[in-house]
């Protein structure tokens, strides 16, 4: 009877050691996975914040450029409002403004495209969770929901909408083109359409996504 007791105790000790090894292995895997998970998410967070900050600064600069363009339009408006003004000078100034409009729009499209490419990387928040769930099933649904919410949150800040000022300044430019030609005595429909198309080409030739 005593011999059986000693053998049972030995097996219990072995089982206890195996249990501790299992707990130790699980703890090591948990720690490794946790550190990997944190690193991935913090990298994604840092990249997302960098992208958003850069886009925000670029957007501010673009809006500043639009404001400067509007000032030039206001100055041109004062010139055109005079009974007698140099139509050649006015035309040159309007062409310059239209060219700047096209450049600003192109810059905006490029920055927006860069941000949208960065936004694709934000989907890796969910991917990071899916990878860790293969080892740790506990609370996996909560992690996935949290990662999905995180992806949606960064996407909601970017404001990739096209500023309405682009359309407003475009309309003013086209309106002034008619005033300039009429003041210059060029009332032929062909002249009006030709100058208007020239301005449209300057404003739209660099646009990638849509026609105004």
Protein backbone atom coordinates (compact mmCIF):
# COMPACT_ATOMS: atom_id res chain seq x y z
CA UNK A 1 0.00 0.00 0.00
CA UNK A 2 2.86 2.30 0.92
CA UNK A 3 4.58 1.57 -2.41
CA UNK A 4 1.45 2.59 -4.33
CA UNK A 5 1.28 5.81 -2.33
CA UNK A 6 4.86 6.68 -3.20
CA UNK A 7 4.26 6.02 -6.91
CA UNK A 8 1.09 8.11 -6.90
CA UNK A 9 2.87 10.97 -5.21
CA UNK A 10 5.65 10.81 -7.78
CA UNK A 11 3.13 10.97 -10.63
CA UNK A 12 1.35 13.87 -8.94
CA UNK A 13 4.62 15.71 -8.64
CA UNK A 14 5.33 15.08 -12.32
CA UNK A 15 1.83 16.22 -13.27
CA UNK A 16 2.27 19.30 -11.10
CA UNK A 17 5.58 20.07 -12.79
CA UNK A 18 4.01 19.63 -16.22
CA UNK A 19 1.19 21.97 -15.18
CA UNK A 20 3.68 24.58 -14.06
CA UNK A 21 5.56 24.19 -17.34
CA UNK A 22 2.33 24.66 -19.24
CA UNK A 23 1.50 27.79 -17.23
CA UNK A 24 5.04 29.05 -17.75
CA UNK A 25 4.87 28.39 -21.49
CA UNK A 26 1.48 30.08 -21.71
CA UNK A 27 2.79 33.07 -19.75
CA UNK A 28 5.79 33.35 -22.05
CA UNK A 29 3.62 33.16 -25.15
CA UNK A 30 1.24 35.70 -23.64
CA UNK A 31 4.06 38.10 -22.87
CA UNK A 32 5.63 37.71 -26.32
CA UNK A 33 2.29 38.15 -28.04
CA UNK A 34 1.45 41.15 -25.90
CA UNK A 35 4.71 42.91 -26.75
CA UNK A 36 4.30 42.14 -30.45
CA UNK A 37 0.72 43.33 -30.35
CA UNK A 38 1.66 46.58 -28.60
CA UNK A 39 4.52 47.22 -31.02
CA UNK A 40 2.31 46.71 -34.07
CA UNK A 41 -0.48 48.91 -32.77
CA UNK A 42 1.83 51.68 -31.62
CA UNK A 43 3.58 51.64 -35.00
CA UNK A 44 0.22 51.89 -36.76
CA UNK A 45 -0.88 54.62 -34.37
CA UNK A 46 2.33 56.59 -34.93
CA UNK A 47 2.10 56.23 -38.70
CA UNK A 48 -1.57 57.24 -38.67
CA UNK A 49 -0.88 60.31 -36.54
CA UNK A 50 2.06 61.27 -38.75
CA UNK A 51 -0.09 60.93 -41.87
CA UNK A 52 -2.91 62.96 -40.35
CA UNK A 53 -0.58 65.67 -39.06
CA UNK A 54 1.17 65.96 -42.42
CA UNK A 55 -2.16 66.07 -44.25
CA UNK A 56 -3.49 68.68 -41.86
CA UNK A 57 -0.46 70.93 -42.36
CA UNK A 58 -0.63 70.50 -46.13
CA UNK A 59 -4.34 71.28 -46.12
CA UNK A 60 -3.72 74.43 -44.08
CA UNK A 61 -1.10 75.55 -46.59
CA UNK A 62 -3.47 74.84 -49.47
CA UNK A 63 -6.22 76.88 -47.82
CA UNK A 64 -3.71 79.69 -47.30
CA UNK A 65 -2.80 79.55 -50.99
CA UNK A 66 -6.49 79.70 -51.89
CA UNK A 67 -6.86 82.74 -49.64
CA UNK A 68 -3.97 84.46 -51.43
CA UNK A 69 -5.58 83.62 -54.77
CA UNK A 70 -8.86 85.14 -53.58
CA UNK A 71 -7.01 88.34 -52.66
CA UNK A 72 -5.65 88.53 -56.18
CA UNK A 73 -9.15 88.00 -57.54
CA UNK A 74 -10.41 90.83 -55.35
CA UNK A 75 -7.65 93.07 -56.69
CA UNK A 76 -8.55 92.05 -60.23
CA UNK A 77 -12.20 92.80 -59.45
CA UNK A 78 -11.31 96.36 -58.54
CA UNK A 79 -9.40 96.67 -61.80
CA UNK A 80 -12.27 95.34 -63.90
CA UNK A 81 -14.77 97.58 -62.13
CA UNK A 82 -13.08 100.64 -63.59
CA UNK A 83 -14.62 102.08 -66.73
CA UNK A 84 -11.33 102.00 -68.57
CA UNK A 85 -8.75 99.39 -67.75
CA UNK A 86 -6.06 97.46 -69.56
CA UNK A 87 -7.76 94.29 -70.75
CA UNK A 88 -4.43 92.70 -71.67
CA UNK A 89 -3.17 93.15 -68.15
CA UNK A 90 -6.44 91.82 -66.74
CA UNK A 91 -6.29 88.78 -69.01
CA UNK A 92 -2.72 88.02 -68.00
CA UNK A 93 -3.60 88.31 -64.34
CA UNK A 94 -6.62 86.03 -64.74
CA UNK A 95 -4.54 83.45 -66.59
CA UNK A 96 -1.98 83.59 -63.80
CA UNK A 97 -4.70 83.08 -61.20
CA UNK A 98 -6.25 80.20 -63.15
CA UNK A 99 -2.84 78.56 -63.47
CA UNK A 100 -2.31 78.89 -59.71
CA UNK A 101 -5.78 77.46 -59.15
CA UNK A 102 -4.84 74.39 -61.18
CA UNK A 103 -1.55 73.97 -59.31
CA UNK A 104 -3.25 74.21 -55.92
CA UNK A 105 -5.91 71.72 -56.96
CA UNK A 106 -3.25 69.30 -58.20
CA UNK A 107 -1.31 69.63 -54.94
CA UNK A 108 -4.48 68.92 -53.00
CA UNK A 109 -5.26 65.84 -55.08
CA UNK A 110 -1.74 64.49 -54.50
CA UNK A 111 -1.92 65.02 -50.74
CA UNK A 112 -5.37 63.47 -50.58
CA UNK A 113 -4.16 60.45 -52.54
CA UNK A 114 -1.22 60.05 -50.15
CA UNK A 115 -3.56 60.12 -47.17
CA UNK A 116 -5.94 57.62 -48.73
CA UNK A 117 -3.01 55.24 -49.32
CA UNK A 118 -2.05 55.64 -45.66
CA UNK A 119 -5.63 54.90 -44.66
CA UNK A 120 -5.29 51.45 -46.25
CA UNK A 121 -2.55 50.68 -43.72
CA UNK A 122 -4.92 51.53 -40.88
CA UNK A 123 -6.89 48.40 -41.72
CA UNK A 124 -3.93 46.53 -40.25
CA UNK A 125 -5.30 47.36 -36.81
CA UNK A 126 -7.81 44.58 -37.42
CA UNK A 127 -5.19 42.37 -39.03
CA UNK A 128 -2.94 42.66 -35.97
CA UNK A 129 -5.75 41.46 -33.76
CA UNK A 130 -6.58 38.58 -36.09
CA UNK A 131 -2.97 37.41 -35.92
CA UNK A 132 -2.83 37.39 -32.15
CA UNK A 133 -6.19 35.66 -31.87
CA UNK A 134 -4.60 32.55 -33.42
CA UNK A 135 -2.73 32.12 -30.13
CA UNK A 136 -5.01 33.83 -27.67
CA UNK A 137 -8.72 33.15 -28.14
CA UNK A 138 -9.77 34.84 -24.93
CA UNK A 139 -11.71 38.01 -25.53
CA UNK A 140 -10.92 37.82 -29.25
CA UNK A 141 -14.23 39.34 -30.27
CA UNK A 142 -13.64 42.32 -27.98
CA UNK A 143 -10.18 42.88 -29.48
CA UNK A 144 -11.50 42.69 -33.02
CA UNK A 145 -14.26 45.16 -32.23
CA UNK A 146 -11.79 47.50 -30.58
CA UNK A 147 -9.43 47.30 -33.56
CA UNK A 148 -12.29 47.84 -36.00
CA UNK A 149 -13.46 50.87 -34.02
CA UNK A 150 -9.90 52.18 -34.07
CA UNK A 151 -9.69 51.85 -37.85
CA UNK A 152 -13.02 53.68 -38.28
CA UNK A 153 -11.95 56.48 -35.87
CA UNK A 154 -8.84 57.52 -37.93
CA UNK A 155 -10.78 57.41 -41.11
CA UNK A 156 -13.49 59.75 -39.67
CA UNK A 157 -10.88 62.79 -39.07
CA UNK A 158 -9.59 62.98 -42.61
CA UNK A 159 -11.42 65.20 -44.26
CA UNK A 160 -10.78 64.36 -47.84
CA UNK A 161 -13.65 66.44 -49.09
CA UNK A 162 -12.78 68.95 -51.78
CA UNK A 163 -12.94 72.52 -50.38
CA UNK A 164 -15.90 74.43 -51.77
CA UNK A 165 -13.55 77.36 -52.38
CA UNK A 166 -12.23 75.58 -55.48
CA UNK A 167 -15.62 75.81 -57.17
CA UNK A 168 -16.22 79.35 -55.93
CA UNK A 169 -12.94 80.71 -57.29
CA UNK A 170 -13.44 78.75 -60.51
CA UNK A 171 -16.82 80.35 -61.06
CA UNK A 172 -15.38 83.81 -60.44
CA UNK A 173 -12.54 83.17 -62.88
CA UNK A 174 -14.97 82.11 -65.61
CA UNK A 175 -17.24 85.07 -64.83
CA UNK A 176 -14.35 87.50 -65.15
CA UNK A 177 -13.28 85.95 -68.44
CA UNK A 178 -16.56 87.09 -69.99
CA UNK A 179 -16.28 90.58 -68.48
CA UNK A 180 -12.74 90.99 -69.78
CA UNK A 181 -13.58 89.94 -73.33
CA UNK A 182 -16.69 92.11 -73.46
CA UNK A 183 -14.73 95.08 -72.18
CA UNK A 184 -12.13 94.40 -74.85
CA UNK A 185 -14.88 94.51 -77.47
CA UNK A 186 -14.63 90.81 -78.24
CA UNK A 187 -18.25 89.76 -78.31
CA UNK A 188 -17.94 86.89 -80.77
CA UNK A 189 -19.18 83.64 -79.25
CA UNK A 190 -16.11 81.85 -80.57
CA UNK A 191 -13.80 84.24 -78.71
CA UNK A 192 -15.80 83.84 -75.52
CA UNK A 193 -15.79 80.06 -75.72
CA UNK A 194 -12.09 79.91 -76.70
CA UNK A 195 -10.95 82.00 -73.74
CA UNK A 196 -13.26 80.11 -71.39
CA UNK A 197 -11.91 76.76 -72.59
CA UNK A 198 -8.36 78.03 -72.16
CA UNK A 199 -9.07 78.93 -68.55
CA UNK A 200 -10.85 75.61 -67.93
CA UNK A 201 -7.87 73.70 -69.30
CA UNK A 202 -5.54 75.61 -66.99
CA UNK A 203 -7.71 74.84 -63.98
CA UNK A 204 -8.66 71.26 -64.83
CA UNK A 205 -5.75 69.74 -66.71
CA UNK A 206 -4.02 68.54 -63.54
CA UNK A 207 -7.18 67.25 -61.82
CA UNK A 208 -7.23 63.46 -61.49
CA UNK A 209 -10.52 62.44 -60.01
CA UNK A 210 -13.37 64.52 -61.31
CA UNK A 211 -14.46 67.19 -63.72
CA UNK A 212 -15.95 70.34 -62.31
